[in-house]
Amino acid sequence: MSMFDHVYQGQLKLLVATPVPNTQLRGNYIFFADEAFPMKPYLLWSYPGRDISGDVSKKVFNYCLSRARRTIDNSFGESGDKSFE
């Protein structure tokens, strides 16, 4: 069974809320996705452009989500390049 199967079926313990260090908060692990994936509680999608006109908080959320996705893409891209040296 693949990691995707475990995540999709809710069997991956990674998805359990865990304490955030040095705080009283608990945080869930999430995955970034786009509309190609079905909406699940552990996936974050950006707001579609037509739904955010005039809503600054949704624009900020989309910006932060986009930055996070680019950071992840860049880190995998750089680590992938180094493995072929």
C-alpha atoms as a PDB file:
ATOM      1  CA  MET A   1       0.000   0.000   0.000  1.00  0.00           C
ATOM      2  CA  SER A   2       1.401   3.412  -0.963  1.00  0.00           C
ATOM      3  CA  MET A   3       1.721   6.503   1.241  1.00  0.00           C
ATOM      4  CA  PHE A   4      -1.095   8.091  -0.781  1.00  0.00           C
ATOM      5  CA  ASP A   5      -3.372   5.144   0.070  1.00  0.00           C
ATOM      6  CA  HIS A   6      -2.568   5.489   3.778  1.00  0.00           C
ATOM      7  CA  VAL A   7      -3.217   9.240   3.699  1.00  0.00           C
ATOM      8  CA  TYR A   8      -6.415   8.885   1.659  1.00  0.00           C
ATOM      9  CA  GLN A   9      -7.800   6.268   4.053  1.00  0.00           C
ATOM     10  CA  GLY A  10      -6.808   8.265   7.151  1.00  0.00           C
ATOM     11  CA  GLN A  11      -4.384   5.594   8.378  1.00  0.00           C
ATOM     12  CA  LEU A  12      -1.254   7.763   8.501  1.00  0.00           C
ATOM     13  CA  LYS A  13      -0.482   8.854  12.075  1.00  0.00           C
ATOM     14  CA  LEU A  14       1.200  11.955  10.645  1.00  0.00           C
ATOM     15  CA  LEU A  15      -2.254  13.526  10.323  1.00  0.00           C
ATOM     16  CA  VAL A  16      -2.980  13.498  14.058  1.00  0.00           C
ATOM     17  CA  ALA A  17      -2.934  16.924  15.718  1.00  0.00           C
ATOM     18  CA  THR A  18       0.286  17.419  17.657  1.00  0.00           C
ATOM     19  CA  PRO A  19       1.436  20.070  20.132  1.00  0.00           C
ATOM     20  CA  VAL A  20       3.297  23.047  18.675  1.00  0.00           C
ATOM     21  CA  PRO A  21       6.596  23.354  20.606  1.00  0.00           C
ATOM     22  CA  ASN A  22       6.715  26.025  23.326  1.00  0.00           C
ATOM     23  CA  THR A  23       2.990  26.860  23.013  1.00  0.00           C
ATOM     24  CA  GLN A  24      -0.379  25.629  24.203  1.00  0.00           C
ATOM     25  CA  LEU A  25      -1.487  25.174  20.564  1.00  0.00           C
ATOM     26  CA  ARG A  26      -2.075  21.956  18.671  1.00  0.00           C
ATOM     27  CA  GLY A  27      -1.501  21.826  14.942  1.00  0.00           C
ATOM     28  CA  ASN A  28      -2.506  19.451  12.188  1.00  0.00           C
ATOM     29  CA  TYR A  29      -0.227  18.327   9.410  1.00  0.00           C
ATOM     30  CA  ILE A  30      -1.508  19.331   6.001  1.00  0.00           C
ATOM     31  CA  PHE A  31      -0.691  18.802   2.351  1.00  0.00           C
ATOM     32  CA  PHE A  32      -0.816  21.467  -0.331  1.00  0.00           C
ATOM     33  CA  ALA A  33      -2.877  20.531  -3.374  1.00  0.00           C
ATOM     34  CA  ASP A  34      -4.769  21.957  -6.285  1.00  0.00           C
ATOM     35  CA  GLU A  35      -8.144  21.240  -7.857  1.00  0.00           C
ATOM     36  CA  ALA A  36      -6.839  17.974  -9.377  1.00  0.00           C
ATOM     37  CA  PHE A  37      -7.227  16.352  -5.935  1.00  0.00           C
ATOM     38  CA  PRO A  38     -10.552  15.797  -4.150  1.00  0.00           C
ATOM     39  CA  MET A  39     -11.117  18.080  -1.172  1.00  0.00           C
ATOM     40  CA  LYS A  40     -10.111  16.399   2.083  1.00  0.00           C
ATOM     41  CA  PRO A  41      -9.635  17.773   5.626  1.00  0.00           C
ATOM     42  CA  TYR A  42      -5.837  17.428   5.319  1.00  0.00           C
ATOM     43  CA  LEU A  43      -5.536  19.310   1.976  1.00  0.00           C
ATOM     44  CA  LEU A  44      -5.194  23.063   1.478  1.00  0.00           C
ATOM     45  CA  TRP A  45      -6.426  24.566  -1.774  1.00  0.00           C
ATOM     46  CA  SER A  46      -6.181  28.162  -2.854  1.00  0.00           C
ATOM     47  CA  TYR A  47      -9.336  30.201  -3.355  1.00  0.00           C
ATOM     48  CA  PRO A  48     -10.343  30.439  -7.036  1.00  0.00           C
ATOM     49  CA  GLY A  49      -9.678  33.900  -8.478  1.00  0.00           C
ATOM     50  CA  ARG A  50     -13.321  34.657  -9.160  1.00  0.00           C
ATOM     51  CA  ASP A  51     -14.222  34.142  -5.475  1.00  0.00           C
ATOM     52  CA  ILE A  52     -11.721  36.546  -3.899  1.00  0.00           C
ATOM     53  CA  SER A  53     -12.386  39.901  -5.517  1.00  0.00           C
ATOM     54  CA  GLY A  54     -12.393  42.468  -2.721  1.00  0.00           C
ATOM     55  CA  ASP A  55     -11.573  39.945   0.018  1.00  0.00           C
ATOM     56  CA  VAL A  56      -8.101  40.829   1.276  1.00  0.00           C
ATOM     57  CA  SER A  57      -7.877  37.890   3.707  1.00  0.00           C
ATOM     58  CA  LYS A  58      -8.444  35.385   0.872  1.00  0.00           C
ATOM     59  CA  LYS A  59      -5.850  37.138  -1.293  1.00  0.00           C
ATOM     60  CA  VAL A  60      -3.331  36.994   1.564  1.00  0.00           C
ATOM     61  CA  PHE A  61      -4.123  33.307   2.144  1.00  0.00           C
ATOM     62  CA  ASN A  62      -3.580  32.550  -1.560  1.00  0.00           C
ATOM     63  CA  TYR A  63      -0.307  34.461  -1.530  1.00  0.00           C
ATOM     64  CA  CYS A  64       0.986  32.592   1.547  1.00  0.00           C
ATOM     65  CA  LEU A  65      -0.122  29.242   0.129  1.00  0.00           C
ATOM     66  CA  SER A  66       1.583  30.036  -3.169  1.00  0.00           C
ATOM     67  CA  ARG A  67       4.818  30.972  -1.366  1.00  0.00           C
ATOM     68  CA  ALA A  68       4.719  27.741   0.645  1.00  0.00           C
ATOM     69  CA  ARG A  69       4.181  25.651  -2.492  1.00  0.00           C
ATOM     70  CA  ARG A  70       7.030  27.418  -4.317  1.00  0.00           C
ATOM     71  CA  THR A  71       9.346  26.880  -1.348  1.00  0.00           C
ATOM     72  CA  ILE A  72       8.521  23.178  -1.299  1.00  0.00           C
ATOM     73  CA  ASP A  73       8.928  22.873  -5.085  1.00  0.00           C
ATOM     74  CA  ASN A  74      12.284  24.661  -4.920  1.00  0.00           C
ATOM     75  CA  SER A  75      13.581  22.514  -2.077  1.00  0.00           C
ATOM     76  CA  PHE A  76      12.742  19.302  -3.917  1.00  0.00           C
ATOM     77  CA  GLY A  77      14.173  20.682  -7.123  1.00  0.00           C
ATOM     78  CA  GLU A  78      17.462  21.609  -5.471  1.00  0.00           C
ATOM     79  CA  SER A  79      17.775  18.320  -3.590  1.00  0.00           C
ATOM     80  CA  GLY A  80      16.950  16.430  -6.785  1.00  0.00           C
ATOM     81  CA  ASP A  81      19.705  18.256  -8.693  1.00  0.00           C
ATOM     82  CA  LYS A  82      22.295  17.452  -6.033  1.00  0.00           C
ATOM     83  CA  SER A  83      21.519  13.743  -6.114  1.00  0.00           C
ATOM     84  CA  PHE A  84      22.623  13.539  -9.758  1.00  0.00           C
ATOM     85  CA  GLU A  85      26.069  15.131  -9.238  1.00  0.00           C
END
